[in-house]
């Protein structure tokens, strides 16, 4: 049986089309009297420089030769077989052992003949040379286009090209890019963002601008599927690639080098989103038994590692635990906390009980926007001056290399350090600008936030809760304080996002989880049915007892004899807590 092998690479001309190769191979079979033939079509876009294992049809052909199924092979020419000398010599070894005929066009090649083998070896070496030379030339042209800011190939989503071939921003797609970054910063994971875009009928690039079909290759078995471009929807992986791509802050990556292009977002905003990206990781792969409401929010106050959720259907394991416990030699010893208890407490206390809403109303009522803006603008000017100095230092370092005073290696460490510092300064500048913008629109923002939180009790789904928590809660820091071997208290510091500052602090008893006590103003939140039934006097006594156990000392700052009232704060031995709460006391005074 005759084997007809066809292949077309991206660089080939139209005359080398698969259709033309097939027609020539079938005519050859009829002319030579082959009554049976089998086609091995590698398809389009497959490089002759690939290894045999990366070319499924060539591998299948070799297997059929070894098994005795194939007695002769036809290729249009030698470069259809390979542009890789290793592939050539491997193939020749197989056909010499199997003693089969090999045709390039109409010519029979006898590889047992020394001259034929030598000539074919030279052609193989030239094929590989031409492939590598062509690759270098192509890369050179593409690099020059990147330097000039011109488009090539499929452009990143959010970009198009003008009539001169230059890369420019696609106004409609750029709105979607900004929305993707905004949702990610709000704590929405990549899979969920894709789901929301699909739900809103936002078309992908394929769906909106391309027609026809495309092929998808299975990364393990090499099989290909044909799909309609009009059916392409958003996927989590696509969203993640958009979030990671530096092109969106104006730096196009080509072969490891960055080239300037029009930016859709600022570098500082891009960095801020990417710093937050690890907190938004979606569950994927195997079916998830539990959705963790506080995933990415809880950090260990002892070793600063993340807490991660672990649960089973039977609730035998049902807790957030410090990730240091995964490694025996790194276990910091901080206690794990029950998932249901901490999730229910955070949701009920801050959202359902409207503590967060009250905090927002108090914050805005005490905010002097005009004075705050002046202070932030002063900070902004200082940061901008610092950025100018940083840029000047980078320029001087580069000049020393160009002038031959120092080598690249000598200044590389300092340049990397300066670039990191510049990135941090830009993020701080972006944060200050956002804060100023928020203060300038304080009435609208406060109204929107309060309205949103007014709707909380209507929001019951996990996804809606998750979005709100990610939007308003920055992090929850957990520490453990033991009273004896089995009992003690968690200290919970809940830090806010948005334009709110500071945190709320609570003591949460373990192992019973009966109550949580606010660290500052003597508020106790009963959690168990037993403690919900206790009287106010009983609960007040528990507060004083816990404050005493936790080393809190009542410090009186003033006393009014006429009204028999006193001003005071609770001093704590714990790092950072007293300073924060005393500041609150000063603000209230």
Protein backbone atom coordinates (compact mmCIF):
# COMPACT_ATOMS: atom_id res chain seq x y z
CA UNK A 1 0.00 0.00 0.00
CA UNK A 2 1.19 3.49 -0.90
CA UNK A 3 1.26 6.19 1.78
CA UNK A 4 0.61 9.77 0.60
CA UNK A 5 1.89 12.26 3.17
CA UNK A 6 0.89 15.95 3.07
CA UNK A 7 1.80 18.93 5.23
CA UNK A 8 1.56 22.71 4.97
CA UNK A 9 3.41 25.15 7.22
CA UNK A 10 2.47 28.77 7.85
CA UNK A 11 5.34 29.99 5.67
CA UNK A 12 4.41 27.93 2.57
CA UNK A 13 3.05 29.49 -0.61
CA UNK A 14 -0.46 28.79 -1.93
CA UNK A 15 0.94 26.48 -4.63
CA UNK A 16 1.93 24.07 -1.85
CA UNK A 17 -1.66 23.78 -0.61
CA UNK A 18 -2.90 20.51 0.85
CA UNK A 19 -5.37 20.18 -2.04
CA UNK A 20 -2.58 20.45 -4.63
CA UNK A 21 -0.41 17.96 -2.75
CA UNK A 22 -3.29 15.44 -2.55
CA UNK A 23 -4.09 15.77 -6.25
CA UNK A 24 -0.45 15.16 -7.20
CA UNK A 25 -0.13 12.20 -4.83
CA UNK A 26 -3.29 10.49 -6.15
CA UNK A 27 -2.21 11.04 -9.80
CA UNK A 28 1.17 9.51 -8.91
CA UNK A 29 -0.53 6.46 -7.37
CA UNK A 30 -2.62 5.87 -10.51
CA UNK A 31 0.37 6.39 -12.81
CA UNK A 32 2.50 3.86 -10.89
CA UNK A 33 -0.30 1.30 -10.68
CA UNK A 34 -0.97 1.48 -6.92
CA UNK A 35 -4.52 0.17 -6.46
CA UNK A 36 -4.50 1.03 -2.74
CA UNK A 37 -3.27 4.13 -1.02
CA UNK A 38 -3.71 5.79 2.38
CA UNK A 39 -3.52 9.51 3.02
CA UNK A 40 -1.61 10.88 6.00
CA UNK A 41 -2.62 14.55 6.12
CA UNK A 42 -0.75 16.51 8.81
CA UNK A 43 -2.83 19.57 7.97
CA UNK A 44 -2.06 23.26 7.78
CA UNK A 45 0.17 25.31 10.04
CA UNK A 46 2.43 22.38 11.03
CA UNK A 47 6.14 23.14 10.91
CA UNK A 48 8.58 20.67 9.35
CA UNK A 49 10.97 21.57 12.16
CA UNK A 50 8.85 19.81 14.78
CA UNK A 51 9.90 16.52 16.32
CA UNK A 52 8.18 13.31 15.17
CA UNK A 53 6.20 13.04 18.42
CA UNK A 54 4.76 16.48 17.72
CA UNK A 55 3.49 15.40 14.27
CA UNK A 56 0.75 12.76 14.85
CA UNK A 57 0.31 11.77 11.16
CA UNK A 58 4.06 11.30 10.58
CA UNK A 59 4.28 9.20 13.74
CA UNK A 60 1.32 7.10 12.56
CA UNK A 61 2.99 6.67 9.16
CA UNK A 62 6.22 5.42 10.77
CA UNK A 63 4.23 3.00 12.97
CA UNK A 64 2.44 1.63 9.87
CA UNK A 65 5.77 1.24 8.07
CA UNK A 66 7.20 -0.73 10.99
CA UNK A 67 4.07 -2.94 11.15
CA UNK A 68 4.38 -3.77 7.42
CA UNK A 69 1.13 -2.07 6.37
CA UNK A 70 2.91 0.46 4.10
CA UNK A 71 5.22 -0.64 1.25
CA UNK A 72 5.92 2.73 -0.40
CA UNK A 73 5.74 6.43 0.58
CA UNK A 74 5.13 9.54 -1.53
CA UNK A 75 5.99 13.15 -0.59
CA UNK A 76 5.76 16.13 -2.94
CA UNK A 77 9.39 16.92 -2.03
CA UNK A 78 11.84 16.35 0.80
CA UNK A 79 10.88 19.46 2.75
CA UNK A 80 7.33 18.05 3.10
CA UNK A 81 8.97 15.29 5.14
CA UNK A 82 11.18 17.50 7.26
CA UNK A 83 13.10 20.65 7.95
CA UNK A 84 14.89 18.96 10.80
CA UNK A 85 17.98 16.78 10.23
CA UNK A 86 17.22 14.57 13.23
CA UNK A 87 13.78 13.73 11.76
CA UNK A 88 15.38 12.94 8.37
CA UNK A 89 17.94 10.50 9.77
CA UNK A 90 15.35 8.83 12.04
CA UNK A 91 13.00 8.35 9.06
CA UNK A 92 15.76 6.99 6.80
CA UNK A 93 16.75 4.45 9.45
CA UNK A 94 13.14 3.21 9.63
CA UNK A 95 12.64 2.87 5.85
CA UNK A 96 16.03 1.18 5.32
CA UNK A 97 15.16 -1.39 7.98
CA UNK A 98 11.68 -1.94 6.48
CA UNK A 99 13.07 -1.93 2.90
CA UNK A 100 10.37 0.28 1.41
CA UNK A 101 10.43 2.74 -1.51
CA UNK A 102 10.39 6.50 -0.90
CA UNK A 103 9.35 8.96 -3.62
CA UNK A 104 9.88 12.71 -3.62
CA UNK A 105 7.62 13.74 -6.51
CA UNK A 106 8.30 11.22 -9.30
CA UNK A 107 11.84 10.44 -8.13
CA UNK A 108 12.61 7.18 -6.29
CA UNK A 109 15.28 7.62 -3.61
CA UNK A 110 17.58 4.70 -2.84
CA UNK A 111 19.09 5.45 0.54
CA UNK A 112 21.32 2.38 0.34
CA UNK A 113 23.21 4.28 -2.35
CA UNK A 114 25.92 6.38 -0.72
CA UNK A 115 25.59 9.28 -3.20
CA UNK A 116 21.79 9.47 -2.78
CA UNK A 117 22.10 9.41 1.00
CA UNK A 118 24.78 12.11 0.93
CA UNK A 119 22.75 14.37 -1.38
CA UNK A 120 19.60 13.91 0.71
CA UNK A 121 21.55 14.61 3.92
CA UNK A 122 22.83 17.85 2.38
CA UNK A 123 19.27 18.80 1.32
CA UNK A 124 18.08 18.04 4.86
CA UNK A 125 20.78 20.28 6.34
CA UNK A 126 19.82 23.04 3.88
CA UNK A 127 16.14 22.61 4.74
CA UNK A 128 16.95 23.07 8.42
CA UNK A 129 19.22 26.02 7.64
CA UNK A 130 16.53 27.70 5.49
CA UNK A 131 13.92 27.11 8.19
CA UNK A 132 16.11 28.66 10.88
CA UNK A 133 17.13 31.54 8.59
CA UNK A 134 13.51 32.16 7.64
CA UNK A 135 12.57 32.12 11.33
CA UNK A 136 15.29 34.64 12.16
CA UNK A 137 14.25 36.91 9.30
CA UNK A 138 10.57 36.68 10.30
CA UNK A 139 11.42 37.50 13.92
CA UNK A 140 13.56 40.41 12.75
CA UNK A 141 10.68 41.84 10.70
CA UNK A 142 8.18 41.30 13.53
CA UNK A 143 10.53 42.91 16.04
CA UNK A 144 10.94 45.95 13.79
CA UNK A 145 7.15 46.23 13.54
CA UNK A 146 6.94 46.05 17.34
CA UNK A 147 9.56 48.81 17.68
CA UNK A 148 7.60 50.98 15.24
CA UNK A 149 4.34 50.30 17.10
CA UNK A 150 2.76 48.44 14.19
CA UNK A 151 0.33 45.52 14.42
CA UNK A 152 1.05 41.97 13.37
CA UNK A 153 -0.92 38.74 13.63
CA UNK A 154 -3.93 38.56 15.93
CA UNK A 155 -3.94 41.67 18.10
CA UNK A 156 -4.68 41.70 21.81
CA UNK A 157 -8.34 42.23 22.71
CA UNK A 158 -8.97 45.95 23.07
CA UNK A 159 -6.70 46.91 20.15
CA UNK A 160 -7.01 47.26 16.39
CA UNK A 161 -4.89 48.86 13.66
CA UNK A 162 -5.28 52.10 11.74
CA UNK A 163 -5.00 52.60 7.98
CA UNK A 164 -1.19 52.76 8.27
CA UNK A 165 -0.92 49.50 10.23
CA UNK A 166 -0.21 51.08 13.61
CA UNK A 167 -1.63 49.55 16.79
CA UNK A 168 -4.44 51.70 18.19
CA UNK A 169 -7.09 51.30 20.88
CA UNK A 170 -10.45 49.78 19.91
CA UNK A 171 -12.86 52.07 21.77
CA UNK A 172 -15.63 49.49 22.23
CA UNK A 173 -13.39 46.60 23.26
CA UNK A 174 -11.39 48.84 25.59
CA UNK A 175 -14.58 49.44 27.62
CA UNK A 176 -14.82 45.67 28.17
CA UNK A 177 -11.14 45.52 29.18
CA UNK A 178 -11.70 48.24 31.79
CA UNK A 179 -14.76 46.41 33.07
CA UNK A 180 -12.76 43.18 33.41
CA UNK A 181 -10.05 44.93 35.46
CA UNK A 182 -12.65 46.67 37.62
CA UNK A 183 -14.49 43.41 38.38
CA UNK A 184 -11.23 41.66 39.21
CA UNK A 185 -10.24 44.41 41.67
CA UNK A 186 -13.67 44.07 43.30
CA UNK A 187 -12.81 40.45 44.09
CA UNK A 188 -14.63 38.65 41.27
CA UNK A 189 -12.76 35.58 39.98
CA UNK A 190 -11.85 35.00 36.33
CA UNK A 191 -14.43 32.26 35.73
CA UNK A 192 -17.18 34.40 37.25
CA UNK A 193 -16.13 37.42 35.13
CA UNK A 194 -16.36 35.24 32.00
CA UNK A 195 -19.80 34.04 33.11
CA UNK A 196 -21.02 37.63 33.62
CA UNK A 197 -19.73 38.78 30.21
CA UNK A 198 -21.42 35.84 28.50
CA UNK A 199 -24.63 36.53 30.42
CA UNK A 200 -24.57 40.17 29.19
CA UNK A 201 -23.98 38.98 25.58
CA UNK A 202 -20.61 40.72 25.33
CA UNK A 203 -19.07 39.18 22.19
CA UNK A 204 -15.54 37.81 22.12
CA UNK A 205 -13.13 38.95 19.42
CA UNK A 206 -13.78 35.75 17.42
CA UNK A 207 -17.54 36.12 17.69
CA UNK A 208 -17.68 39.79 16.71
CA UNK A 209 -15.03 40.09 14.00
CA UNK A 210 -14.25 36.69 12.50
CA UNK A 211 -16.26 34.21 10.44
CA UNK A 212 -15.78 30.56 9.61
CA UNK A 213 -14.14 27.85 11.69
CA UNK A 214 -10.95 27.18 13.59
CA UNK A 215 -9.18 24.06 14.80
CA UNK A 216 -8.40 23.10 18.37
CA UNK A 217 -5.65 20.58 18.95
CA UNK A 218 -5.76 18.21 21.95
CA UNK A 219 -2.55 18.83 23.85
CA UNK A 220 -2.10 15.16 24.80
CA UNK A 221 -3.24 12.99 21.86
CA UNK A 222 -2.90 15.52 19.03
CA UNK A 223 -6.47 15.07 17.77
CA UNK A 224 -8.12 18.16 16.30
CA UNK A 225 -11.65 19.51 16.53
CA UNK A 226 -13.24 22.03 14.20
CA UNK A 227 -15.26 24.76 15.93
CA UNK A 228 -17.37 27.66 14.72
CA UNK A 229 -15.86 31.05 15.51
CA UNK A 230 -19.35 32.44 16.06
CA UNK A 231 -19.79 30.06 19.02
CA UNK A 232 -16.68 31.19 20.91
CA UNK A 233 -17.58 32.45 24.40
CA UNK A 234 -15.58 34.01 27.23
CA UNK A 235 -13.52 31.60 29.35
CA UNK A 236 -11.71 32.09 32.65
CA UNK A 237 -8.34 31.50 30.97
CA UNK A 238 -9.00 34.27 28.45
CA UNK A 239 -9.89 36.69 31.25
CA UNK A 240 -6.74 35.76 33.17
CA UNK A 241 -4.57 36.36 30.09
CA UNK A 242 -6.10 39.82 29.68
CA UNK A 243 -5.41 40.63 33.34
CA UNK A 244 -1.77 39.49 33.09
CA UNK A 245 -0.96 41.14 29.76
CA UNK A 246 1.32 44.18 30.14
CA UNK A 247 0.08 45.63 26.85
CA UNK A 248 -2.90 47.16 28.67
CA UNK A 249 -0.69 49.60 30.59
CA UNK A 250 1.23 50.45 27.44
CA UNK A 251 4.03 47.86 27.33
CA UNK A 252 3.85 45.30 24.53
CA UNK A 253 5.94 42.18 25.19
CA UNK A 254 7.82 40.79 22.20
CA UNK A 255 10.42 38.07 22.83
CA UNK A 256 10.99 39.32 26.37
CA UNK A 257 11.45 42.98 25.42
CA UNK A 258 8.84 45.66 26.13
CA UNK A 259 7.78 48.26 23.55
CA UNK A 260 5.55 51.29 24.04
CA UNK A 261 1.96 51.18 22.76
CA UNK A 262 -1.18 53.21 23.63
CA UNK A 263 -2.35 52.23 27.12
CA UNK A 264 -5.92 51.41 28.14
CA UNK A 265 -5.22 51.58 31.89
CA UNK A 266 -2.37 52.98 34.01
CA UNK A 267 0.60 50.86 35.08
CA UNK A 268 -0.23 51.47 38.75
CA UNK A 269 -3.82 50.30 38.26
CA UNK A 270 -2.58 47.20 36.37
CA UNK A 271 -0.18 46.38 39.22
CA UNK A 272 -2.90 46.91 41.82
CA UNK A 273 -5.21 44.48 40.02
CA UNK A 274 -2.44 41.90 39.60
CA UNK A 275 -1.43 42.16 43.26
CA UNK A 276 -5.05 41.37 44.14
CA UNK A 277 -5.43 38.61 41.53
CA UNK A 278 -4.23 35.78 43.79
CA UNK A 279 -7.14 36.47 46.14
CA UNK A 280 -9.67 35.84 43.36
CA UNK A 281 -8.61 32.36 42.30
CA UNK A 282 -11.59 30.29 41.25
CA UNK A 283 -12.22 26.70 42.20
CA UNK A 284 -11.76 24.59 39.08
CA UNK A 285 -11.20 21.04 37.94
CA UNK A 286 -12.94 18.56 40.22
CA UNK A 287 -16.37 19.37 41.58
CA UNK A 288 -16.22 21.64 44.62
CA UNK A 289 -18.03 20.47 47.74
CA UNK A 290 -17.93 23.84 49.49
CA UNK A 291 -17.79 27.46 48.44
CA UNK A 292 -15.64 29.46 50.84
CA UNK A 293 -17.15 32.88 51.49
CA UNK A 294 -13.95 34.29 53.02
CA UNK A 295 -11.50 32.69 50.63
CA UNK A 296 -8.45 34.93 50.22
CA UNK A 297 -9.58 37.24 53.03
CA UNK A 298 -8.19 35.62 56.19
CA UNK A 299 -4.51 36.00 57.05
CA UNK A 300 -2.54 34.66 59.98
CA UNK A 301 -1.57 37.36 62.45
CA UNK A 302 1.37 35.25 63.60
CA UNK A 303 3.18 34.31 60.37
CA UNK A 304 1.22 36.40 57.81
CA UNK A 305 0.35 33.31 55.73
CA UNK A 306 -3.08 32.91 54.16
CA UNK A 307 -5.78 30.85 55.85
CA UNK A 308 -7.42 28.31 53.52
CA UNK A 309 -10.68 26.39 53.86
CA UNK A 310 -10.92 22.67 54.51
CA UNK A 311 -14.22 20.86 54.84
CA UNK A 312 -15.96 17.52 54.37
CA UNK A 313 -19.58 16.64 53.80
CA UNK A 314 -19.81 15.14 57.30
CA UNK A 315 -18.26 18.34 58.75
CA UNK A 316 -15.53 16.31 60.48
CA UNK A 317 -13.13 18.82 58.99
CA UNK A 318 -14.74 22.24 58.72
CA UNK A 319 -12.33 25.08 59.32
CA UNK A 320 -10.09 27.75 57.91
CA UNK A 321 -6.49 26.93 58.80
CA UNK A 322 -3.15 28.65 58.44
CA UNK A 323 -1.35 27.43 55.32
CA UNK A 324 1.86 27.08 57.34
CA UNK A 325 0.34 23.88 58.80
CA UNK A 326 0.94 22.16 55.48
CA UNK A 327 4.63 21.98 56.39
CA UNK A 328 5.76 20.50 59.69
CA UNK A 329 8.87 22.63 59.89
CA UNK A 330 6.95 25.87 59.19
CA UNK A 331 3.82 25.40 61.31
CA UNK A 332 3.38 28.66 63.24
CA UNK A 333 0.89 27.09 65.68
CA UNK A 334 -1.94 29.58 65.15
CA UNK A 335 -5.32 27.96 65.74
CA UNK A 336 -7.80 27.03 62.99
CA UNK A 337 -11.29 28.56 63.10
CA UNK A 338 -14.67 27.00 62.32
CA UNK A 339 -15.87 27.94 58.82
CA UNK A 340 -19.56 28.30 59.61
CA UNK A 341 -18.91 30.39 62.73
CA UNK A 342 -16.57 32.94 61.15
CA UNK A 343 -18.56 33.22 57.89
CA UNK A 344 -21.91 33.63 59.68
CA UNK A 345 -20.42 36.15 62.13
CA UNK A 346 -18.87 38.35 59.42
CA UNK A 347 -22.00 38.35 57.27
CA UNK A 348 -24.46 38.81 60.12
CA UNK A 349 -22.48 41.39 62.08
CA UNK A 350 -21.26 43.63 59.29
CA UNK A 351 -23.95 43.29 56.65
CA UNK A 352 -27.24 41.93 58.00
CA UNK A 353 -26.93 43.87 61.31
CA UNK A 354 -25.91 46.99 59.34
CA UNK A 355 -22.74 47.71 61.33
CA UNK A 356 -20.91 48.43 58.10
CA UNK A 357 -23.69 50.71 56.87
CA UNK A 358 -23.61 52.67 60.17
CA UNK A 359 -19.83 52.90 59.92
CA UNK A 360 -20.13 54.37 56.41
CA UNK A 361 -22.75 56.93 57.48
CA UNK A 362 -20.57 57.97 60.45
CA UNK A 363 -17.48 58.17 58.26
CA UNK A 364 -19.08 60.42 55.66
CA UNK A 365 -20.74 62.65 58.24
CA UNK A 366 -17.33 63.28 59.87
CA UNK A 367 -15.48 63.78 56.58
CA UNK A 368 -14.32 67.26 55.61
CA UNK A 369 -13.78 66.55 51.92
CA UNK A 370 -12.18 69.91 51.11
CA UNK A 371 -9.55 69.68 53.86
CA UNK A 372 -8.85 66.00 53.12
CA UNK A 373 -8.31 66.77 49.42
CA UNK A 374 -5.74 69.48 50.28
CA UNK A 375 -3.79 67.03 52.44
CA UNK A 376 -3.84 64.32 49.78
CA UNK A 377 -2.81 66.78 47.06
CA UNK A 378 0.24 67.68 49.15
CA UNK A 379 1.10 63.97 49.44
CA UNK A 380 0.57 63.63 45.69
CA UNK A 381 3.05 66.41 44.88
CA UNK A 382 5.65 64.83 47.14
CA UNK A 383 5.16 61.44 45.44
CA UNK A 384 5.42 62.98 41.97
CA UNK A 385 8.71 64.66 42.94
CA UNK A 386 9.95 61.34 44.28
CA UNK A 387 9.04 59.67 40.96
CA UNK A 388 10.96 62.34 39.00
CA UNK A 389 14.04 61.75 41.18
CA UNK A 390 13.71 58.00 40.62
CA UNK A 391 13.52 58.48 36.83
CA UNK A 392 16.61 60.70 36.94
CA UNK A 393 18.53 58.06 38.88
CA UNK A 394 17.52 55.43 36.32
CA UNK A 395 18.65 57.71 33.48
CA UNK A 396 22.04 58.29 35.13
CA UNK A 397 22.53 54.55 35.64
CA UNK A 398 21.81 53.87 31.95
CA UNK A 399 24.17 56.73 30.93
CA UNK A 400 27.02 55.16 32.91
CA UNK A 401 26.57 51.96 30.90
CA UNK A 402 26.32 53.78 27.55
CA UNK A 403 29.46 55.79 28.38
CA UNK A 404 31.33 52.60 29.23
CA UNK A 405 31.92 53.59 32.85
CA UNK A 406 30.02 50.60 34.22
CA UNK A 407 28.88 47.26 32.78
CA UNK A 408 25.29 46.10 32.43
CA UNK A 409 25.80 43.57 35.21
CA UNK A 410 27.14 46.26 37.54
CA UNK A 411 24.00 48.39 37.34
CA UNK A 412 21.38 45.66 36.80
CA UNK A 413 20.65 45.18 40.52
CA UNK A 414 20.34 48.93 41.13
CA UNK A 415 18.11 49.41 38.07
CA UNK A 416 15.82 46.57 39.10
CA UNK A 417 15.57 48.09 42.56
CA UNK A 418 14.76 51.54 41.14
CA UNK A 419 12.11 50.08 38.82
CA UNK A 420 10.40 48.33 41.74
CA UNK A 421 10.50 51.57 43.74
CA UNK A 422 9.02 53.46 40.77
CA UNK A 423 6.23 50.89 40.46
CA UNK A 424 5.37 51.27 44.16
CA UNK A 425 5.39 55.09 43.86
CA UNK A 426 3.06 54.91 40.84
CA UNK A 427 0.64 52.71 42.78
CA UNK A 428 0.65 55.23 45.66
CA UNK A 429 0.04 58.07 43.20
CA UNK A 430 -2.86 56.14 41.63
CA UNK A 431 -4.33 55.46 45.08
CA UNK A 432 -4.12 59.16 46.01
CA UNK A 433 -5.81 60.18 42.76
CA UNK A 434 -8.57 57.64 43.34
CA UNK A 435 -9.05 58.95 46.87
CA UNK A 436 -9.30 62.54 45.60
CA UNK A 437 -11.83 61.44 42.97
CA UNK A 438 -13.86 59.68 45.66
CA UNK A 439 -13.85 62.75 47.90
CA UNK A 440 -14.87 65.01 44.99
CA UNK A 441 -17.88 62.74 44.42
CA UNK A 442 -18.45 61.90 48.07
CA UNK A 443 -22.20 62.51 48.09
CA UNK A 444 -22.90 60.23 45.13
CA UNK A 445 -20.53 57.52 46.40
CA UNK A 446 -21.95 57.53 49.91
CA UNK A 447 -25.52 57.42 48.58
CA UNK A 448 -24.69 54.48 46.28
CA UNK A 449 -22.90 52.56 49.05
CA UNK A 450 -25.73 53.06 51.53
CA UNK A 451 -28.34 52.07 48.95
CA UNK A 452 -26.38 48.95 48.12
CA UNK A 453 -26.11 47.97 51.78
CA UNK A 454 -29.82 48.68 52.30
CA UNK A 455 -30.47 45.82 49.88
CA UNK A 456 -28.30 43.36 51.83
CA UNK A 457 -31.12 41.41 53.47
CA UNK A 458 -32.52 40.67 50.04
CA UNK A 459 -29.22 39.24 48.88
CA UNK A 460 -29.14 35.61 49.91
CA UNK A 461 -27.12 33.78 47.24
CA UNK A 462 -23.50 32.86 47.85
CA UNK A 463 -22.26 34.83 44.82
CA UNK A 464 -24.02 38.02 45.94
CA UNK A 465 -22.60 37.69 49.46
CA UNK A 466 -19.15 36.98 48.08
CA UNK A 467 -19.19 40.06 45.84
CA UNK A 468 -20.22 42.35 48.72
CA UNK A 469 -17.63 40.93 51.13
CA UNK A 470 -14.89 41.23 48.50
CA UNK A 471 -15.96 44.81 47.84
CA UNK A 472 -16.00 46.09 51.43
CA UNK A 473 -13.75 43.77 53.49
CA UNK A 474 -10.04 44.01 52.73
CA UNK A 475 -8.72 41.32 55.09
CA UNK A 476 -9.37 39.57 58.39
CA UNK A 477 -6.34 39.06 60.62
CA UNK A 478 -6.53 36.22 63.14
CA UNK A 479 -4.48 35.69 66.29
CA UNK A 480 -4.93 33.19 69.12
CA UNK A 481 -4.84 33.93 72.86
CA UNK A 482 -5.06 30.86 75.10
CA UNK A 483 -6.45 31.01 78.64
CA UNK A 484 -5.55 27.36 79.31
CA UNK A 485 -4.84 24.24 77.23
CA UNK A 486 -8.35 24.01 75.80
CA UNK A 487 -9.89 27.49 76.06
CA UNK A 488 -9.08 30.94 74.82
CA UNK A 489 -9.98 33.71 72.40
CA UNK A 490 -9.40 34.53 68.78
CA UNK A 491 -8.58 38.17 68.18
CA UNK A 492 -10.16 39.21 64.89
CA UNK A 493 -9.11 42.43 63.19
CA UNK A 494 -11.44 43.15 60.24
CA UNK A 495 -9.97 45.73 57.85
CA UNK A 496 -12.19 47.71 55.49
CA UNK A 497 -11.82 48.42 51.79
CA UNK A 498 -13.16 51.36 49.78
CA UNK A 499 -12.47 54.81 51.22
CA UNK A 500 -13.04 53.66 54.79
CA UNK A 501 -9.94 53.39 56.93
CA UNK A 502 -8.98 51.28 59.93
CA UNK A 503 -10.60 48.14 61.24
CA UNK A 504 -13.00 46.59 63.71
CA UNK A 505 -11.61 44.31 66.43
CA UNK A 506 -13.33 41.41 68.21
CA UNK A 507 -12.59 38.67 70.72
CA UNK A 508 -14.21 35.37 69.74
CA UNK A 509 -14.18 32.59 72.34
CA UNK A 510 -13.16 29.03 71.52
CA UNK A 511 -13.82 26.13 71.47
CA UNK A 512 -17.54 26.81 72.16
CA UNK A 513 -18.00 29.90 69.96
CA UNK A 514 -20.59 31.36 72.35
CA UNK A 515 -19.97 35.07 71.72
CA UNK A 516 -17.85 37.75 70.11
CA UNK A 517 -16.89 40.92 71.99
CA UNK A 518 -15.99 44.19 70.32
CA UNK A 519 -12.59 45.33 71.59
CA UNK A 520 -13.38 49.03 71.90
CA UNK A 521 -16.87 49.88 73.09
CA UNK A 522 -17.91 46.93 75.27
CA UNK A 523 -20.38 45.43 72.78
CA UNK A 524 -20.99 41.70 73.00
CA UNK A 525 -22.54 39.70 70.16
CA UNK A 526 -24.12 36.44 71.41
CA UNK A 527 -23.61 33.59 68.93
CA UNK A 528 -24.98 30.48 70.66
CA UNK A 529 -28.61 30.04 71.74
CA UNK A 530 -27.47 29.80 75.37
CA UNK A 531 -25.84 33.23 75.31
CA UNK A 532 -28.63 34.80 73.29
CA UNK A 533 -30.94 34.06 76.23
CA UNK A 534 -28.70 35.73 78.84
CA UNK A 535 -29.64 39.06 80.40
CA UNK A 536 -27.85 42.33 79.64
CA UNK A 537 -26.24 42.39 83.11
CA UNK A 538 -24.89 38.87 82.62
CA UNK A 539 -23.48 39.78 79.21
CA UNK A 540 -21.89 42.98 80.61
CA UNK A 541 -20.12 40.92 83.27
CA UNK A 542 -18.77 38.59 80.60
CA UNK A 543 -17.36 41.59 78.71
CA UNK A 544 -15.47 42.83 81.80
CA UNK A 545 -14.21 39.32 82.50
CA UNK A 546 -12.90 38.88 78.97
CA UNK A 547 -11.28 42.33 78.94
CA UNK A 548 -9.48 41.39 82.15
CA UNK A 549 -8.36 38.00 80.80
CA UNK A 550 -7.06 39.69 77.64
CA UNK A 551 -4.95 42.14 79.64
CA UNK A 552 -7.06 45.20 78.92
CA UNK A 553 -6.75 48.13 81.34
CA UNK A 554 -9.34 50.89 81.64
CA UNK A 555 -7.61 54.27 81.34
CA UNK A 556 -9.78 57.25 82.40
CA UNK A 557 -8.98 60.44 80.51
CA UNK A 558 -11.57 62.75 82.15
CA UNK A 559 -14.40 62.76 84.70
CA UNK A 560 -17.49 64.99 84.99
CA UNK A 561 -18.73 65.16 88.63
CA UNK A 562 -22.06 66.80 87.74
CA UNK A 563 -23.15 64.06 85.37
CA UNK A 564 -21.05 61.34 87.00
CA UNK A 565 -19.65 60.34 83.58
CA UNK A 566 -16.14 59.58 82.53
CA UNK A 567 -14.19 59.50 79.30
CA UNK A 568 -11.87 56.50 78.96
CA UNK A 569 -10.30 54.00 76.61
CA UNK A 570 -9.22 50.39 77.00
CA UNK A 571 -5.48 49.92 76.79
CA UNK A 572 -4.26 46.61 75.37
CA UNK A 573 -0.94 44.80 75.48
CA UNK A 574 -1.53 43.57 71.93
CA UNK A 575 0.47 45.28 69.21
CA UNK A 576 -1.38 47.92 67.23
CA UNK A 577 -4.77 47.53 68.91
CA UNK A 578 -4.46 50.24 71.56
CA UNK A 579 -3.00 52.72 69.09
CA UNK A 580 -5.87 52.20 66.70
CA UNK A 581 -8.62 52.41 69.29
CA UNK A 582 -7.07 55.35 71.11
CA UNK A 583 -7.04 57.19 67.80
CA UNK A 584 -10.75 56.46 67.53
CA UNK A 585 -11.27 57.83 71.05
CA UNK A 586 -9.38 60.99 70.13
CA UNK A 587 -11.49 61.36 66.98
CA UNK A 588 -14.68 61.02 69.03
CA UNK A 589 -13.50 63.60 71.56
